[in-house]
Amino acid sequence: MEDLRMTQNRADSLIAADVVQLLGTHGQASQVLAQVTDGHVVLRGDVPSAEVAADIRARIQALIGVRGVDSRLQVDSGSRAFGEPGQAVRDNPDGDSAVLAAEAELRPRR
């Protein structure tokens, strides 16, 4: 029997909203960008470790409607950011923010 998650078609915009929320609440994904096309998610950016990259990929793959994840994430040795190797300074290192991702609102440009 085919995985129910794979049979559910969802609009890319709904998948993207879930991805944005997931990345916003993940404490170490502040430097990750995502693009969704036909249910396929492409991830780009820097993460502090291979374990974090694998965690982000697995969480996104589990979202309803996601047909595949192309992870182009790179482990940041510190050379592309401030901080010691493996300890790059991130804008939200603990995932603790006064503004929750659920409160964020996307507005069209005028």
PDB file of N, CA and C in Angstrom:
ATOM      1  N   MET A   1       0.839  -1.176   0.000  1.00  0.00           N
ATOM      2  CA  MET A   1       0.000   0.000   0.000  1.00  0.00           C
ATOM      3  C   MET A   1       0.886   1.242   0.000  1.00  0.00           C
ATOM      4  N   GLU A   2       0.570   2.193  -0.841  1.00  0.00           N
ATOM      5  CA  GLU A   2       1.374   3.411  -0.958  1.00  0.00           C
ATOM      6  C   GLU A   2       1.213   4.266   0.284  1.00  0.00           C
ATOM      7  N   ASP A   3       2.267   4.893   0.699  1.00  0.00           N
ATOM      8  CA  ASP A   3       2.256   5.785   1.856  1.00  0.00           C
ATOM      9  C   ASP A   3       1.196   6.870   1.649  1.00  0.00           C
ATOM     10  N   LEU A   4       0.264   7.002   2.590  1.00  0.00           N
ATOM     11  CA  LEU A   4      -0.818   7.980   2.482  1.00  0.00           C
ATOM     12  C   LEU A   4      -0.279   9.386   2.280  1.00  0.00           C
ATOM     13  N   ARG A   5       0.829   9.718   2.933  1.00  0.00           N
ATOM     14  CA  ARG A   5       1.413  11.047   2.823  1.00  0.00           C
ATOM     15  C   ARG A   5       1.794  11.347   1.375  1.00  0.00           C
ATOM     16  N   MET A   6       2.250  10.339   0.646  1.00  0.00           N
ATOM     17  CA  MET A   6       2.679  10.546  -0.726  1.00  0.00           C
ATOM     18  C   MET A   6       1.494  10.743  -1.675  1.00  0.00           C
ATOM     19  N   THR A   7       0.326  10.221  -1.300  1.00  0.00           N
ATOM     20  CA  THR A   7      -0.817  10.309  -2.201  1.00  0.00           C
ATOM     21  C   THR A   7      -1.570  11.624  -2.038  1.00  0.00           C
ATOM     22  N   GLN A   8      -1.272  12.354  -1.003  1.00  0.00           N
ATOM     23  CA  GLN A   8      -1.977  13.612  -0.763  1.00  0.00           C
ATOM     24  C   GLN A   8      -1.284  14.753  -1.503  1.00  0.00           C
ATOM     25  N   ASN A   9      -2.013  15.338  -2.448  1.00  0.00           N
ATOM     26  CA  ASN A   9      -1.475  16.481  -3.171  1.00  0.00           C
ATOM     27  C   ASN A   9      -1.812  17.741  -2.400  1.00  0.00           C
ATOM     28  N   ARG A  10      -0.848  18.575  -2.203  1.00  0.00           N
ATOM     29  CA  ARG A  10      -1.046  19.857  -1.537  1.00  0.00           C
ATOM     30  C   ARG A  10      -0.402  20.928  -2.390  1.00  0.00           C
ATOM     31  N   ALA A  11      -0.975  22.100  -2.326  1.00  0.00           N
ATOM     32  CA  ALA A  11      -0.409  23.231  -3.050  1.00  0.00           C
ATOM     33  C   ALA A  11       0.989  23.533  -2.514  1.00  0.00           C
ATOM     34  N   ASP A  12       1.875  23.909  -3.424  1.00  0.00           N
ATOM     35  CA  ASP A  12       3.245  24.260  -3.027  1.00  0.00           C
ATOM     36  C   ASP A  12       3.246  25.367  -1.978  1.00  0.00           C
ATOM     37  N   SER A  13       2.312  26.300  -2.081  1.00  0.00           N
ATOM     38  CA  SER A  13       2.274  27.403  -1.113  1.00  0.00           C
ATOM     39  C   SER A  13       1.965  26.898   0.295  1.00  0.00           C
ATOM     40  N   LEU A  14       1.125  25.859   0.414  1.00  0.00           N
ATOM     41  CA  LEU A  14       0.828  25.291   1.735  1.00  0.00           C
ATOM     42  C   LEU A  14       2.027  24.523   2.279  1.00  0.00           C
ATOM     43  N   ILE A  15       2.685  23.781   1.408  1.00  0.00           N
ATOM     44  CA  ILE A  15       3.896  23.062   1.826  1.00  0.00           C
ATOM     45  C   ILE A  15       4.955  24.072   2.253  1.00  0.00           C
ATOM     46  N   ALA A  16       5.128  25.131   1.459  1.00  0.00           N
ATOM     47  CA  ALA A  16       6.123  26.155   1.778  1.00  0.00           C
ATOM     48  C   ALA A  16       5.833  26.800   3.121  1.00  0.00           C
ATOM     49  N   ALA A  17       4.558  27.043   3.422  1.00  0.00           N
ATOM     50  CA  ALA A  17       4.203  27.634   4.721  1.00  0.00           C
ATOM     51  C   ALA A  17       4.605  26.703   5.858  1.00  0.00           C
ATOM     52  N   ASP A  18       4.378  25.399   5.687  1.00  0.00           N
ATOM     53  CA  ASP A  18       4.794  24.435   6.709  1.00  0.00           C
ATOM     54  C   ASP A  18       6.313  24.396   6.853  1.00  0.00           C
ATOM     55  N   VAL A  19       7.011  24.453   5.724  1.00  0.00           N
ATOM     56  CA  VAL A  19       8.480  24.434   5.748  1.00  0.00           C
ATOM     57  C   VAL A  19       9.010  25.672   6.464  1.00  0.00           C
ATOM     58  N   VAL A  20       8.455  26.832   6.145  1.00  0.00           N
ATOM     59  CA  VAL A  20       8.885  28.080   6.790  1.00  0.00           C
ATOM     60  C   VAL A  20       8.654  28.007   8.300  1.00  0.00           C
ATOM     61  N   GLN A  21       7.501  27.496   8.697  1.00  0.00           N
ATOM     62  CA  GLN A  21       7.217  27.372  10.128  1.00  0.00           C
ATOM     63  C   GLN A  21       8.195  26.414  10.795  1.00  0.00           C
ATOM     64  N   LEU A  22       8.453  25.281  10.156  1.00  0.00           N
ATOM     65  CA  LEU A  22       9.389  24.306  10.708  1.00  0.00           C
ATOM     66  C   LEU A  22      10.781  24.907  10.851  1.00  0.00           C
ATOM     67  N   LEU A  23      11.258  25.575   9.805  1.00  0.00           N
ATOM     68  CA  LEU A  23      12.588  26.185   9.862  1.00  0.00           C
ATOM     69  C   LEU A  23      12.636  27.293  10.907  1.00  0.00           C
ATOM     70  N   GLY A  24      11.544  28.030  11.047  1.00  0.00           N
ATOM     71  CA  GLY A  24      11.497  29.121  12.017  1.00  0.00           C
ATOM     72  C   GLY A  24      11.527  28.659  13.455  1.00  0.00           C
ATOM     73  N   THR A  25      11.030  27.451  13.699  1.00  0.00           N
ATOM     74  CA  THR A  25      11.013  26.948  15.070  1.00  0.00           C
ATOM     75  C   THR A  25      12.188  26.026  15.372  1.00  0.00           C
ATOM     76  N   HIS A  26      12.962  25.675  14.336  1.00  0.00           N
ATOM     77  CA  HIS A  26      14.152  24.839  14.534  1.00  0.00           C
ATOM     78  C   HIS A  26      15.290  25.764  14.942  1.00  0.00           C
ATOM     79  N   GLY A  27      15.869  25.543  16.062  1.00  0.00           N
ATOM     80  CA  GLY A  27      16.858  26.439  16.625  1.00  0.00           C
ATOM     81  C   GLY A  27      18.119  26.634  15.814  1.00  0.00           C
ATOM     82  N   GLN A  28      18.393  25.752  14.855  1.00  0.00           N
ATOM     83  CA  GLN A  28      19.665  25.851  14.147  1.00  0.00           C
ATOM     84  C   GLN A  28      19.476  25.927  12.637  1.00  0.00           C
ATOM     85  N   ALA A  29      18.303  26.405  12.206  1.00  0.00           N
ATOM     86  CA  ALA A  29      18.011  26.461  10.776  1.00  0.00           C
ATOM     87  C   ALA A  29      17.816  27.885  10.288  1.00  0.00           C
ATOM     88  N   SER A  30      18.363  28.850  11.014  1.00  0.00           N
ATOM     89  CA  SER A  30      18.128  30.250  10.662  1.00  0.00           C
ATOM     90  C   SER A  30      18.813  30.663   9.364  1.00  0.00           C
ATOM     91  N   GLN A  31      19.770  29.875   8.894  1.00  0.00           N
ATOM     92  CA  GLN A  31      20.483  30.215   7.663  1.00  0.00           C
ATOM     93  C   GLN A  31      20.058  29.330   6.496  1.00  0.00           C
ATOM     94  N   VAL A  32      18.890  28.684   6.624  1.00  0.00           N
ATOM     95  CA  VAL A  32      18.415  27.755   5.603  1.00  0.00           C
ATOM     96  C   VAL A  32      17.305  28.394   4.777  1.00  0.00           C
ATOM     97  N   LEU A  33      17.427  28.269   3.474  1.00  0.00           N
ATOM     98  CA  LEU A  33      16.401  28.728   2.538  1.00  0.00           C
ATOM     99  C   LEU A  33      15.789  27.514   1.868  1.00  0.00           C
ATOM    100  N   ALA A  34      14.500  27.616   1.539  1.00  0.00           N
ATOM    101  CA  ALA A  34      13.819  26.491   0.898  1.00  0.00           C
ATOM    102  C   ALA A  34      13.029  26.972  -0.307  1.00  0.00           C
ATOM    103  N   GLN A  35      12.946  26.109  -1.301  1.00  0.00           N
ATOM    104  CA  GLN A  35      12.143  26.363  -2.489  1.00  0.00           C
ATOM    105  C   GLN A  35      11.294  25.113  -2.724  1.00  0.00           C
ATOM    106  N   VAL A  36       9.992  25.319  -3.002  1.00  0.00           N
ATOM    107  CA  VAL A  36       9.080  24.199  -3.219  1.00  0.00           C
ATOM    108  C   VAL A  36       8.521  24.272  -4.635  1.00  0.00           C
ATOM    109  N   THR A  37       8.667  23.171  -5.366  1.00  0.00           N
ATOM    110  CA  THR A  37       8.129  23.075  -6.719  1.00  0.00           C
ATOM    111  C   THR A  37       7.544  21.677  -6.897  1.00  0.00           C
ATOM    112  N   ASP A  38       6.257  21.622  -7.187  1.00  0.00           N
ATOM    113  CA  ASP A  38       5.567  20.346  -7.395  1.00  0.00           C
ATOM    114  C   ASP A  38       5.777  19.371  -6.238  1.00  0.00           C
ATOM    115  N   GLY A  39       5.772  19.886  -5.022  1.00  0.00           N
ATOM    116  CA  GLY A  39       5.919  19.043  -3.841  1.00  0.00           C
ATOM    117  C   GLY A  39       7.346  18.673  -3.496  1.00  0.00           C
ATOM    118  N   HIS A  40       8.298  19.090  -4.316  1.00  0.00           N
ATOM    119  CA  HIS A  40       9.713  18.808  -4.057  1.00  0.00           C
ATOM    120  C   HIS A  40      10.351  20.033  -3.407  1.00  0.00           C
ATOM    121  N   VAL A  41      11.059  19.811  -2.320  1.00  0.00           N
ATOM    122  CA  VAL A  41      11.664  20.891  -1.548  1.00  0.00           C
ATOM    123  C   VAL A  41      13.175  20.866  -1.756  1.00  0.00           C
ATOM    124  N   VAL A  42      13.738  22.024  -2.116  1.00  0.00           N
ATOM    125  CA  VAL A  42      15.182  22.173  -2.241  1.00  0.00           C
ATOM    126  C   VAL A  42      15.643  23.048  -1.081  1.00  0.00           C
ATOM    127  N   LEU A  43      16.591  22.547  -0.314  1.00  0.00           N
ATOM    128  CA  LEU A  43      17.138  23.269   0.830  1.00  0.00           C
ATOM    129  C   LEU A  43      18.541  23.753   0.493  1.00  0.00           C
ATOM    130  N   ARG A  44      18.814  25.018   0.838  1.00  0.00           N
ATOM    131  CA  ARG A  44      20.150  25.597   0.633  1.00  0.00           C
ATOM    132  C   ARG A  44      20.508  26.397   1.877  1.00  0.00           C
ATOM    133  N   GLY A  45      21.789  26.449   2.167  1.00  0.00           N
ATOM    134  CA  GLY A  45      22.247  27.265   3.275  1.00  0.00           C
ATOM    135  C   GLY A  45      23.246  26.540   4.146  1.00  0.00           C
ATOM    136  N   ASP A  46      23.526  27.161   5.265  1.00  0.00           N
ATOM    137  CA  ASP A  46      24.531  26.643   6.188  1.00  0.00           C
ATOM    138  C   ASP A  46      23.882  26.157   7.473  1.00  0.00           C
ATOM    139  N   VAL A  47      24.401  25.046   7.988  1.00  0.00           N
ATOM    140  CA  VAL A  47      23.984  24.495   9.277  1.00  0.00           C
ATOM    141  C   VAL A  47      25.244  24.161  10.072  1.00  0.00           C
ATOM    142  N   PRO A  48      25.115  24.057  11.393  1.00  0.00           N
ATOM    143  CA  PRO A  48      26.319  23.839  12.200  1.00  0.00           C
ATOM    144  C   PRO A  48      26.876  22.418  12.177  1.00  0.00           C
ATOM    145  N   SER A  49      26.080  21.412  11.745  1.00  0.00           N
ATOM    146  CA  SER A  49      26.588  20.040  11.743  1.00  0.00           C
ATOM    147  C   SER A  49      25.808  19.172  10.767  1.00  0.00           C
ATOM    148  N   ALA A  50      26.397  18.030  10.423  1.00  0.00           N
ATOM    149  CA  ALA A  50      25.727  17.072   9.545  1.00  0.00           C
ATOM    150  C   ALA A  50      24.477  16.515  10.212  1.00  0.00           C
ATOM    151  N   GLU A  51      24.507  16.395  11.529  1.00  0.00           N
ATOM    152  CA  GLU A  51      23.343  15.895  12.267  1.00  0.00           C
ATOM    153  C   GLU A  51      22.161  16.852  12.143  1.00  0.00           C
ATOM    154  N   VAL A  52      22.429  18.145  12.218  1.00  0.00           N
ATOM    155  CA  VAL A  52      21.368  19.146  12.063  1.00  0.00           C
ATOM    156  C   VAL A  52      20.810  19.088  10.650  1.00  0.00           C
ATOM    157  N   ALA A  53      21.670  18.950   9.649  1.00  0.00           N
ATOM    158  CA  ALA A  53      21.215  18.846   8.260  1.00  0.00           C
ATOM    159  C   ALA A  53      20.298  17.641   8.089  1.00  0.00           C
ATOM    160  N   ALA A  54      20.687  16.509   8.659  1.00  0.00           N
ATOM    161  CA  ALA A  54      19.869  15.294   8.550  1.00  0.00           C
ATOM    162  C   ALA A  54      18.535  15.453   9.277  1.00  0.00           C
ATOM    163  N   ASP A  55      18.549  16.105  10.423  1.00  0.00           N
ATOM    164  CA  ASP A  55      17.316  16.335  11.190  1.00  0.00           C
ATOM    165  C   ASP A  55      16.344  17.221  10.409  1.00  0.00           C
ATOM    166  N   ILE A  56      16.854  18.306   9.848  1.00  0.00           N
ATOM    167  CA  ILE A  56      16.009  19.218   9.078  1.00  0.00           C
ATOM    168  C   ILE A  56      15.419  18.480   7.878  1.00  0.00           C
ATOM    169  N   ARG A  57      16.245  17.735   7.162  1.00  0.00           N
ATOM    170  CA  ARG A  57      15.787  16.992   5.992  1.00  0.00           C
ATOM    171  C   ARG A  57      14.687  16.010   6.381  1.00  0.00           C
ATOM    172  N   ALA A  58      14.883  15.259   7.451  1.00  0.00           N
ATOM    173  CA  ALA A  58      13.901  14.258   7.883  1.00  0.00           C
ATOM    174  C   ALA A  58      12.583  14.909   8.296  1.00  0.00           C
ATOM    175  N   ARG A  59      12.661  16.022   9.005  1.00  0.00           N
ATOM    176  CA  ARG A  59      11.434  16.704   9.430  1.00  0.00           C
ATOM    177  C   ARG A  59      10.650  17.243   8.241  1.00  0.00           C
ATOM    178  N   ILE A  60      11.349  17.771   7.254  1.00  0.00           N
ATOM    179  CA  ILE A  60      10.661  18.305   6.080  1.00  0.00           C
ATOM    180  C   ILE A  60      10.092  17.161   5.240  1.00  0.00           C
ATOM    181  N   GLN A  61      10.840  16.071   5.116  1.00  0.00           N
ATOM    182  CA  GLN A  61      10.353  14.919   4.356  1.00  0.00           C
ATOM    183  C   GLN A  61       9.053  14.375   4.961  1.00  0.00           C
ATOM    184  N   ALA A  62       8.870  14.523   6.266  1.00  0.00           N
ATOM    185  CA  ALA A  62       7.688  14.006   6.958  1.00  0.00           C
ATOM    186  C   ALA A  62       6.450  14.891   6.797  1.00  0.00           C
ATOM    187  N   LEU A  63       6.602  16.088   6.257  1.00  0.00           N
ATOM    188  CA  LEU A  63       5.462  16.984   6.090  1.00  0.00           C
ATOM    189  C   LEU A  63       4.499  16.443   5.030  1.00  0.00           C
ATOM    190  N   ILE A  64       3.220  16.625   5.258  1.00  0.00           N
ATOM    191  CA  ILE A  64       2.200  16.163   4.320  1.00  0.00           C
ATOM    192  C   ILE A  64       2.362  16.882   2.980  1.00  0.00           C
ATOM    193  N   GLY A  65       2.378  16.101   1.918  1.00  0.00           N
ATOM    194  CA  GLY A  65       2.469  16.648   0.573  1.00  0.00           C
ATOM    195  C   GLY A  65       3.866  16.722   0.006  1.00  0.00           C
ATOM    196  N   VAL A  66       4.881  16.564   0.848  1.00  0.00           N
ATOM    197  CA  VAL A  66       6.262  16.622   0.359  1.00  0.00           C
ATOM    198  C   VAL A  66       6.572  15.330  -0.382  1.00  0.00           C
ATOM    199  N   ARG A  67       6.978  15.471  -1.634  1.00  0.00           N
ATOM    200  CA  ARG A  67       7.278  14.309  -2.478  1.00  0.00           C
ATOM    201  C   ARG A  67       8.766  13.971  -2.471  1.00  0.00           C
ATOM    202  N   GLY A  68       9.593  14.923  -2.081  1.00  0.00           N
ATOM    203  CA  GLY A  68      11.021  14.681  -2.032  1.00  0.00           C
ATOM    204  C   GLY A  68      11.751  15.892  -1.494  1.00  0.00           C
ATOM    205  N   VAL A  69      12.950  15.657  -0.971  1.00  0.00           N
ATOM    206  CA  VAL A  69      13.774  16.739  -0.432  1.00  0.00           C
ATOM    207  C   VAL A  69      15.163  16.627  -1.045  1.00  0.00           C
ATOM    208  N   ASP A  70      15.607  17.723  -1.646  1.00  0.00           N
ATOM    209  CA  ASP A  70      16.954  17.826  -2.195  1.00  0.00           C
ATOM    210  C   ASP A  70      17.729  18.729  -1.244  1.00  0.00           C
ATOM    211  N   SER A  71      18.537  18.108  -0.396  1.00  0.00           N
ATOM    212  CA  SER A  71      19.289  18.870   0.596  1.00  0.00           C
ATOM    213  C   SER A  71      20.635  19.298   0.026  1.00  0.00           C
ATOM    214  N   ARG A  72      20.769  20.594  -0.146  1.00  0.00           N
ATOM    215  CA  ARG A  72      22.044  21.169  -0.583  1.00  0.00           C
ATOM    216  C   ARG A  72      22.667  21.965   0.560  1.00  0.00           C
ATOM    217  N   LEU A  73      22.347  21.519   1.787  1.00  0.00           N
ATOM    218  CA  LEU A  73      22.852  22.193   2.981  1.00  0.00           C
ATOM    219  C   LEU A  73      24.344  21.931   3.131  1.00  0.00           C
ATOM    220  N   GLN A  74      25.049  22.922   3.638  1.00  0.00           N
ATOM    221  CA  GLN A  74      26.479  22.799   3.872  1.00  0.00           C
ATOM    222  C   GLN A  74      26.759  23.005   5.346  1.00  0.00           C
ATOM    223  N   VAL A  75      27.685  22.217   5.855  1.00  0.00           N
ATOM    224  CA  VAL A  75      28.119  22.395   7.242  1.00  0.00           C
ATOM    225  C   VAL A  75      29.036  23.610   7.276  1.00  0.00           C
ATOM    226  N   ASP A  76      28.689  24.567   8.123  1.00  0.00           N
ATOM    227  CA  ASP A  76      29.453  25.812   8.242  1.00  0.00           C
ATOM    228  C   ASP A  76      30.599  25.599   9.219  1.00  0.00           C
ATOM    229  N   SER A  77      31.792  25.632   8.703  1.00  0.00           N
ATOM    230  CA  SER A  77      32.976  25.436   9.537  1.00  0.00           C
ATOM    231  C   SER A  77      33.329  26.693  10.324  1.00  0.00           C
ATOM    232  N   GLY A  78      32.603  27.763  10.073  1.00  0.00           N
ATOM    233  CA  GLY A  78      32.909  29.037  10.702  1.00  0.00           C
ATOM    234  C   GLY A  78      33.553  29.993   9.712  1.00  0.00           C
ATOM    235  N   SER A  79      33.937  29.484   8.542  1.00  0.00           N
ATOM    236  CA  SER A  79      34.615  30.330   7.565  1.00  0.00           C
ATOM    237  C   SER A  79      33.665  31.301   6.874  1.00  0.00           C
ATOM    238  N   ARG A  80      32.355  30.985   6.870  1.00  0.00           N
ATOM    239  CA  ARG A  80      31.383  31.869   6.227  1.00  0.00           C
ATOM    240  C   ARG A  80      30.612  32.704   7.244  1.00  0.00           C
ATOM    241  N   ALA A  81      30.966  32.591   8.510  1.00  0.00           N
ATOM    242  CA  ALA A  81      30.258  33.339   9.549  1.00  0.00           C
ATOM    243  C   ALA A  81      31.238  33.672  10.660  1.00  0.00           C
ATOM    244  N   PHE A  82      30.810  34.519  11.569  1.00  0.00           N
ATOM    245  CA  PHE A  82      31.633  34.835  12.727  1.00  0.00           C
ATOM    246  C   PHE A  82      31.649  33.641  13.663  1.00  0.00           C
ATOM    247  N   GLY A  83      32.727  33.461  14.377  1.00  0.00           N
ATOM    248  CA  GLY A  83      32.805  32.400  15.373  1.00  0.00           C
ATOM    249  C   GLY A  83      33.878  31.395  15.034  1.00  0.00           C
ATOM    250  N   GLU A  84      34.159  30.565  16.007  1.00  0.00           N
ATOM    251  CA  GLU A  84      35.152  29.509  15.846  1.00  0.00           C
ATOM    252  C   GLU A  84      34.588  28.408  14.940  1.00  0.00           C
ATOM    253  N   PRO A  85      35.447  27.617  14.306  1.00  0.00           N
ATOM    254  CA  PRO A  85      34.965  26.500  13.492  1.00  0.00           C
ATOM    255  C   PRO A  85      33.986  25.629  14.277  1.00  0.00           C
ATOM    256  N   GLY A  86      32.859  25.355  13.666  1.00  0.00           N
ATOM    257  CA  GLY A  86      31.824  24.559  14.315  1.00  0.00           C
ATOM    258  C   GLY A  86      30.968  25.334  15.286  1.00  0.00           C
ATOM    259  N   GLN A  87      31.311  26.578  15.540  1.00  0.00           N
ATOM    260  CA  GLN A  87      30.583  27.407  16.502  1.00  0.00           C
ATOM    261  C   GLN A  87      30.170  28.724  15.866  1.00  0.00           C
ATOM    262  N   ALA A  88      29.764  28.682  14.625  1.00  0.00           N
ATOM    263  CA  ALA A  88      29.403  29.899  13.904  1.00  0.00           C
ATOM    264  C   ALA A  88      28.281  30.634  14.629  1.00  0.00           C
ATOM    265  N   VAL A  89      28.394  31.933  14.671  1.00  0.00           N
ATOM    266  CA  VAL A  89      27.373  32.755  15.308  1.00  0.00           C
ATOM    267  C   VAL A  89      26.156  32.813  14.395  1.00  0.00           C
ATOM    268  N   ARG A  90      25.023  32.524  14.934  1.00  0.00           N
ATOM    269  CA  ARG A  90      23.779  32.529  14.169  1.00  0.00           C
ATOM    270  C   ARG A  90      22.842  33.558  14.778  1.00  0.00           C
ATOM    271  N   ASP A  91      21.888  34.014  13.993  1.00  0.00           N
ATOM    272  CA  ASP A  91      20.999  35.059  14.469  1.00  0.00           C
ATOM    273  C   ASP A  91      19.960  34.565  15.462  1.00  0.00           C
ATOM    274  N   ASN A  92      19.767  33.258  15.598  1.00  0.00           N
ATOM    275  CA  ASN A  92      18.813  32.711  16.551  1.00  0.00           C
ATOM    276  C   ASN A  92      19.316  31.341  17.010  1.00  0.00           C
ATOM    277  N   PRO A  93      20.447  31.277  17.715  1.00  0.00           N
ATOM    278  CA  PRO A  93      21.108  30.012  17.983  1.00  0.00           C
ATOM    279  C   PRO A  93      20.310  29.041  18.843  1.00  0.00           C
ATOM    280  N   ASP A  94      19.405  29.527  19.682  1.00  0.00           N
ATOM    281  CA  ASP A  94      18.665  28.636  20.561  1.00  0.00           C
ATOM    282  C   ASP A  94      17.240  28.405  20.103  1.00  0.00           C
ATOM    283  N   GLY A  95      16.834  29.053  19.028  1.00  0.00           N
ATOM    284  CA  GLY A  95      15.470  28.905  18.554  1.00  0.00           C
ATOM    285  C   GLY A  95      14.475  29.639  19.426  1.00  0.00           C
ATOM    286  N   ASP A  96      14.961  30.449  20.349  1.00  0.00           N
ATOM    287  CA  ASP A  96      14.107  31.191  21.261  1.00  0.00           C
ATOM    288  C   ASP A  96      13.896  32.581  20.681  1.00  0.00           C
ATOM    289  N   SER A  97      12.660  32.918  20.432  1.00  0.00           N
ATOM    290  CA  SER A  97      12.370  34.202  19.833  1.00  0.00           C
ATOM    291  C   SER A  97      11.098  34.757  20.418  1.00  0.00           C
ATOM    292  N   ALA A  98      11.049  36.055  20.590  1.00  0.00           N
ATOM    293  CA  ALA A  98       9.848  36.697  21.100  1.00  0.00           C
ATOM    294  C   ALA A  98       8.715  36.617  20.090  1.00  0.00           C
ATOM    295  N   VAL A  99       9.066  36.524  18.826  1.00  0.00           N
ATOM    296  CA  VAL A  99       8.061  36.412  17.777  1.00  0.00           C
ATOM    297  C   VAL A  99       8.021  34.967  17.315  1.00  0.00           C
ATOM    298  N   LEU A 100       6.922  34.290  17.551  1.00  0.00           N
ATOM    299  CA  LEU A 100       6.782  32.911  17.136  1.00  0.00           C
ATOM    300  C   LEU A 100       6.532  32.839  15.636  1.00  0.00           C
ATOM    301  N   ALA A 101       6.975  31.767  15.032  1.00  0.00           N
ATOM    302  CA  ALA A 101       6.801  31.606  13.580  1.00  0.00           C
ATOM    303  C   ALA A 101       5.323  31.672  13.214  1.00  0.00           C
ATOM    304  N   ALA A 102       4.469  31.168  14.087  1.00  0.00           N
ATOM    305  CA  ALA A 102       3.035  31.175  13.790  1.00  0.00           C
ATOM    306  C   ALA A 102       2.483  32.604  13.731  1.00  0.00           C
ATOM    307  N   GLU A 103       3.177  33.544  14.337  1.00  0.00           N
ATOM    308  CA  GLU A 103       2.722  34.926  14.335  1.00  0.00           C
ATOM    309  C   GLU A 103       3.248  35.703  13.121  1.00  0.00           C
ATOM    310  N   ALA A 104       4.219  35.117  12.442  1.00  0.00           N
ATOM    311  CA  ALA A 104       4.793  35.793  11.281  1.00  0.00           C
ATOM    312  C   ALA A 104       3.768  35.839  10.161  1.00  0.00           C
ATOM    313  N   GLU A 105       3.787  36.905   9.415  1.00  0.00           N
ATOM    314  CA  GLU A 105       2.812  37.066   8.340  1.00  0.00           C
ATOM    315  C   GLU A 105       3.540  37.504   7.078  1.00  0.00           C
ATOM    316  N   LEU A 106       3.253  36.800   5.990  1.00  0.00           N
ATOM    317  CA  LEU A 106       3.847  37.190   4.719  1.00  0.00           C
ATOM    318  C   LEU A 106       2.918  38.154   4.029  1.00  0.00           C
ATOM    319  N   ARG A 107       3.447  39.247   3.566  1.00  0.00           N
ATOM    320  CA  ARG A 107       2.648  40.261   2.880  1.00  0.00           C
ATOM    321  C   ARG A 107       3.182  40.453   1.477  1.00  0.00           C
ATOM    322  N   PRO A 108       2.281  40.604   0.493  1.00  0.00           N
ATOM    323  CA  PRO A 108       2.758  40.843  -0.873  1.00  0.00           C
ATOM    324  C   PRO A 108       3.424  42.205  -0.986  1.00  0.00           C
ATOM    325  N   ARG A 109       4.372  42.292  -1.888  1.00  0.00           N
ATOM    326  CA  ARG A 109       5.043  43.577  -2.137  1.00  0.00           C
ATOM    327  C   ARG A 109       4.098  44.493  -2.894  1.00  0.00           C
ATOM    328  N   ARG A 110       4.200  45.762  -2.602  1.00  0.00           N
ATOM    329  CA  ARG A 110       3.349  46.747  -3.300  1.00  0.00           C
ATOM    330  C   ARG A 110       4.191  47.663  -4.120  1.00  0.00           C
TER     331      ARG A 110
END
